[in-house]
Protein backbone atom coordinates (compact mmCIF):
# COMPACT_ATOMS: atom_id res chain seq x y z
CA MET A 1 0.00 0.00 0.00
CA THR A 2 2.91 2.34 0.74
CA GLU A 3 4.27 1.80 -2.77
CA ILE A 4 0.86 2.49 -4.31
CA GLY A 5 0.58 5.70 -2.29
CA LYS A 6 4.02 6.84 -3.46
CA TYR A 7 3.00 6.05 -7.04
CA PHE A 8 -0.09 8.27 -6.82
CA LEU A 9 1.94 11.07 -5.20
CA PHE A 10 4.38 10.68 -8.09
CA LEU A 11 1.51 11.13 -10.56
CA GLY A 12 0.31 14.19 -8.67
CA HIS A 13 3.61 15.97 -9.35
CA LEU A 14 3.19 15.59 -13.12
CA LEU A 15 0.99 18.66 -13.44
CA THR A 16 2.68 21.00 -10.98
CA ASN A 17 5.24 23.68 -11.87
CA ARG A 18 5.06 22.87 -15.56
CA GLU A 19 7.31 24.19 -18.32
CA SER A 20 6.20 26.08 -21.44
CA PHE A 21 4.08 24.47 -24.14
CA LYS A 22 6.93 24.69 -26.68
CA THR A 23 9.24 22.80 -24.34
CA TYR A 24 6.74 19.97 -23.88
CA TYR A 25 5.92 19.92 -27.59
CA ASN A 26 9.54 19.29 -28.53
CA LEU A 27 9.98 16.67 -25.82
CA VAL A 28 6.77 14.87 -26.77
CA MET A 29 7.75 14.78 -30.46
CA GLU A 30 11.11 13.25 -29.55
CA GLU A 31 9.41 10.62 -27.40
CA CYS A 32 6.85 9.87 -30.13
CA VAL A 33 9.65 9.14 -32.58
CA SER A 34 11.45 6.97 -30.04
CA ILE A 35 8.34 5.08 -28.91
CA GLY A 36 6.45 4.83 -32.19
CA LEU A 37 9.04 4.49 -34.94
CA GLY A 38 11.30 2.50 -32.67
CA SER A 39 8.63 -0.12 -32.02
CA VAL A 40 6.67 -0.33 -35.28
CA PHE A 41 8.82 -3.03 -36.92
CA LEU A 42 8.75 -5.33 -33.89
CA VAL A 43 5.00 -4.80 -33.43
CA ALA A 44 4.26 -5.49 -37.11
CA LEU A 45 6.44 -8.61 -37.13
CA VAL A 46 4.95 -10.09 -33.97
CA ALA A 47 1.38 -9.22 -34.99
CA THR A 48 1.74 -10.77 -38.46
CA PHE A 49 2.86 -14.12 -37.10
CA MET A 50 0.36 -13.87 -34.26
CA GLY A 51 -2.47 -13.52 -36.78
CA ALA A 52 -1.09 -16.35 -38.89
CA VAL A 53 -0.85 -18.74 -35.93
CA THR A 54 -4.32 -17.75 -34.68
CA THR A 55 -5.90 -18.47 -38.06
CA VAL A 56 -4.16 -21.82 -38.52
CA GLN A 57 -4.94 -23.00 -34.98
CA THR A 58 -8.56 -21.87 -35.27
CA ALA A 59 -8.90 -23.84 -38.51
CA TYR A 60 -7.35 -26.87 -36.80
CA ASN A 61 -10.02 -26.78 -34.09
CA MET A 62 -12.93 -26.43 -36.53
CA VAL A 63 -13.44 -30.16 -36.82
CA SER A 64 -17.15 -30.20 -37.69
CA ASP A 65 -18.33 -30.15 -41.29
CA LEU A 66 -21.39 -28.23 -40.13
CA ILE A 67 -19.28 -25.14 -39.37
CA PRO A 68 -18.69 -22.99 -42.47
CA ASP A 69 -15.12 -22.00 -43.29
CA TYR A 70 -15.73 -18.28 -42.93
CA VAL A 71 -16.15 -18.79 -39.16
CA ILE A 72 -12.36 -19.31 -39.01
CA SER A 73 -11.59 -15.71 -39.91
CA GLN A 74 -14.55 -14.47 -37.87
CA VAL A 75 -13.16 -16.09 -34.72
CA ALA A 76 -9.63 -14.94 -35.56
CA ARG A 77 -10.90 -11.37 -35.99
CA GLU A 78 -12.52 -11.31 -32.57
CA MET A 79 -9.44 -12.78 -30.89
CA ILE A 80 -7.14 -10.29 -32.62
CA VAL A 81 -9.22 -7.16 -32.03
CA LEU A 82 -10.39 -7.90 -28.50
CA GLU A 83 -7.32 -9.46 -26.95
CA LEU A 84 -4.25 -10.21 -29.02
CA ALA A 85 -3.61 -6.79 -30.59
CA PRO A 86 -4.12 -4.60 -27.49
CA THR A 87 -2.98 -6.98 -24.72
CA ILE A 88 -0.19 -9.12 -26.18
CA ILE A 89 1.35 -6.10 -27.87
CA ALA A 90 1.10 -4.27 -24.51
CA VAL A 91 3.32 -6.93 -22.93
CA ILE A 92 5.85 -6.42 -25.74
CA PHE A 93 5.47 -2.65 -25.30
CA ALA A 94 6.25 -3.02 -21.60
CA GLY A 95 9.30 -5.15 -22.33
CA LYS A 96 10.75 -2.83 -24.95
CA VAL A 97 9.55 0.71 -24.20
CA GLY A 98 8.87 0.35 -20.48
CA SER A 99 12.27 -1.10 -19.71
CA ALA A 100 13.93 1.65 -21.79
CA MET A 101 12.05 4.34 -19.84
CA ALA A 102 12.99 2.81 -16.49
CA SER A 103 16.65 2.31 -17.37
CA GLY A 104 16.94 5.80 -18.88
CA LEU A 105 15.49 7.54 -15.84
CA GLY A 106 17.40 5.23 -13.50
CA THR A 107 20.67 6.17 -15.19
CA MET A 108 19.79 9.86 -14.88
CA ARG A 109 19.07 9.33 -11.19
CA ILE A 110 22.33 7.60 -10.29
CA THR A 111 24.38 10.08 -12.34
CA GLU A 112 22.66 12.94 -10.47
CA GLN A 113 21.20 14.51 -13.61
CA ILE A 114 17.76 14.57 -11.98
CA ASP A 115 19.23 16.26 -8.91
CA ALA A 116 20.75 18.91 -11.20
CA LEU A 117 17.32 19.64 -12.69
CA GLU A 118 15.85 20.03 -9.22
CA VAL A 119 18.64 22.43 -8.22
CA MET A 120 17.77 24.59 -11.26
CA GLY A 121 14.18 24.81 -10.03
CA ILE A 122 12.75 22.49 -12.68
CA ASN A 123 10.08 19.97 -11.72
CA SER A 124 11.99 16.91 -12.91
CA ILE A 125 8.94 14.63 -12.76
CA SER A 126 6.90 16.87 -15.02
CA TYR A 127 9.84 17.66 -17.31
CA LEU A 128 11.05 14.08 -17.77
CA VAL A 129 7.99 11.88 -17.25
CA LEU A 130 5.00 13.81 -18.60
CA PRO A 131 6.28 13.81 -22.23
CA LYS A 132 6.83 10.05 -22.03
CA ILE A 133 3.26 9.47 -20.83
CA ILE A 134 1.72 11.78 -23.45
CA ALA A 135 3.77 10.21 -26.23
CA SER A 136 2.72 6.73 -25.09
CA LEU A 137 -0.95 7.74 -25.01
CA VAL A 138 -0.62 9.03 -28.58
CA MET A 139 1.54 6.33 -30.15
CA TYR A 140 0.43 3.08 -28.50
CA PRO A 141 -3.14 3.16 -29.90
CA VAL A 142 -1.54 3.69 -33.32
CA LEU A 143 0.67 0.66 -32.73
CA VAL A 144 -2.40 -1.37 -31.74
CA ILE A 145 -4.15 -0.41 -34.98
CA ILE A 146 -1.06 -1.38 -36.97
CA ALA A 147 -0.89 -4.66 -35.05
CA GLY A 148 -4.53 -5.47 -35.78
CA VAL A 149 -4.12 -4.82 -39.50
CA CYS A 150 -0.88 -6.81 -39.71
CA ALA A 151 -2.41 -9.70 -37.75
CA MET A 152 -5.36 -9.95 -40.12
CA VAL A 153 -3.04 -9.77 -43.13
CA GLY A 154 -0.91 -12.48 -41.58
CA GLY A 155 -4.00 -14.60 -41.01
CA TYR A 156 -5.05 -14.06 -44.62
CA LEU A 157 -1.67 -15.13 -45.96
CA ALA A 158 -1.39 -18.15 -43.69
CA GLY A 159 -4.97 -19.27 -44.30
CA THR A 160 -4.97 -18.90 -48.08
CA LEU A 161 -1.44 -20.17 -48.72
CA THR A 162 -2.01 -23.32 -46.64
CA GLY A 163 -5.43 -23.91 -48.16
CA VAL A 164 -7.38 -23.97 -44.89
CA ILE A 165 -9.66 -21.17 -46.11
CA THR A 166 -10.33 -19.46 -49.42
CA PRO A 167 -9.68 -15.73 -49.86
CA ASN A 168 -13.40 -15.04 -50.35
CA ASP A 169 -14.35 -16.94 -47.19
CA TYR A 170 -11.67 -15.15 -45.19
CA ILE A 171 -12.85 -11.71 -46.27
CA TYR A 172 -16.49 -12.66 -45.73
CA GLY A 173 -15.68 -13.91 -42.23
CA LEU A 174 -13.95 -10.64 -41.35
CA ARG A 175 -17.07 -8.73 -42.36
CA SER A 176 -19.62 -11.15 -40.91
CA GLY A 177 -21.21 -10.16 -37.61
CA TYR A 178 -18.93 -7.17 -37.22
CA ASN A 179 -19.50 -5.12 -34.07
CA GLU A 180 -17.80 -1.73 -34.15
CA PHE A 181 -17.69 -1.58 -30.34
CA THR A 182 -14.93 -4.19 -30.33
CA VAL A 183 -12.60 -1.70 -32.01
CA ILE A 184 -13.62 1.04 -29.56
CA PHE A 185 -13.01 -1.39 -26.68
CA ALA A 186 -9.57 -2.25 -28.04
CA LEU A 187 -8.65 1.43 -28.28
CA ILE A 188 -9.89 2.08 -24.73
CA LYS A 189 -7.68 -0.75 -23.51
CA SER A 190 -4.74 0.58 -25.50
CA VAL A 191 -5.00 4.02 -23.84
CA VAL A 192 -5.21 2.45 -20.37
CA PHE A 193 -2.30 0.10 -21.04
CA ALA A 194 -0.17 2.93 -22.46
CA PHE A 195 -0.72 5.03 -19.35
CA LEU A 196 0.02 2.14 -16.99
CA VAL A 197 3.21 1.05 -18.75
CA SER A 198 4.64 4.55 -19.14
CA SER A 199 3.75 5.77 -15.66
CA ILE A 200 4.79 2.63 -13.77
CA SER A 201 8.05 2.30 -15.71
CA SER A 202 8.86 5.97 -15.18
CA TYR A 203 8.06 5.67 -11.47
CA LYS A 204 10.36 2.69 -11.04
CA GLY A 205 13.19 4.31 -12.97
CA TYR A 206 12.82 7.71 -11.30
CA ASN A 207 13.05 6.20 -7.82
CA THR A 208 16.16 4.12 -8.54
CA GLN A 209 18.62 4.13 -5.65
CA GLY A 210 22.18 2.81 -5.66
CA GLY A 211 24.42 2.21 -8.64
CA ALA A 212 24.44 0.63 -12.08
CA LEU A 213 23.23 -2.72 -10.75
CA GLU A 214 20.08 -1.12 -9.33
CA VAL A 215 19.26 0.36 -12.76
CA GLY A 216 18.85 -3.16 -14.10
CA VAL A 217 16.80 -4.13 -11.06
CA SER A 218 14.52 -1.12 -11.57
CA SER A 219 14.09 -2.00 -15.24
CA THR A 220 13.13 -5.57 -14.35
CA LYS A 221 10.68 -4.39 -11.68
CA ALA A 222 9.18 -1.92 -14.15
CA VAL A 223 8.43 -4.64 -16.70
CA THR A 224 7.10 -7.05 -14.06
CA SER A 225 4.83 -4.46 -12.44
CA SER A 226 3.62 -3.19 -15.83
CA VAL A 227 2.69 -6.68 -17.03
CA ILE A 228 0.78 -7.38 -13.81
CA ALA A 229 -1.04 -4.05 -14.13
CA ILE A 230 -1.89 -4.84 -17.77
CA LEU A 231 -3.39 -8.22 -16.92
CA VAL A 232 -5.39 -6.92 -13.96
CA SER A 233 -6.73 -3.91 -15.85
CA ASP A 234 -7.50 -6.13 -18.86
CA TYR A 235 -9.84 -8.23 -16.73
CA LEU A 236 -11.39 -5.22 -15.02
CA LEU A 237 -12.05 -3.45 -18.33
CA ALA A 238 -13.55 -6.59 -19.85
CA GLN A 239 -15.81 -7.04 -16.85
CA LEU A 240 -16.78 -3.37 -16.81
CA LEU A 241 -17.39 -2.83 -20.53
CA LEU A 242 -18.34 -6.30 -21.76
CA GLY A 243 -19.71 -8.08 -18.67
CA LYS A 244 -23.43 -8.53 -18.20
């Protein structure tokens, strides 16, 4: 409970003694490039194979002749949009971006760069952490959209090239029974996950104490805590928005 209290106090300092808009704009743009462009290849690669495996395994489990083939892509679509694209990519996001945030801030802490900012009268939490959170809130939903598209393309290629489903059936299944709220739900989850990963990772890195060894420990704790927060919030959001 003490750690949770410190985390919320940490968040409270984000909006106090802020810098100018131009300063934040430049910092946010730099973080967007680092977070978005630095992750897009990995996200696209993982999502493509994730969609391919989902389609092939779904087809493998459709053992009844009474089930039409287009159900394969329909099931794959729901799995990709509702869970795989926002949640699995969030775990990768935590491992790549979250650990980088924690290690970067941890290094600044042990080299006393954060202390230097405080001496100059700058709110180091707002100056260093707020741009990372804003950039994550902007870029991670974009990464989720890219992941969803790549996963469906990967499913299309795997399904048609292996002969488990025809191209027409795959496209028909993607369109069949489409509920636009699933996309909205995925984007809501992506915003929540982006905030949790960026804020928790920044908190762990900012509060690093010790030397170079503790930077690695903080990075590991950041990823572990972020993944736990993702899984817990994933269930809570599903229960809140989809539960009856």
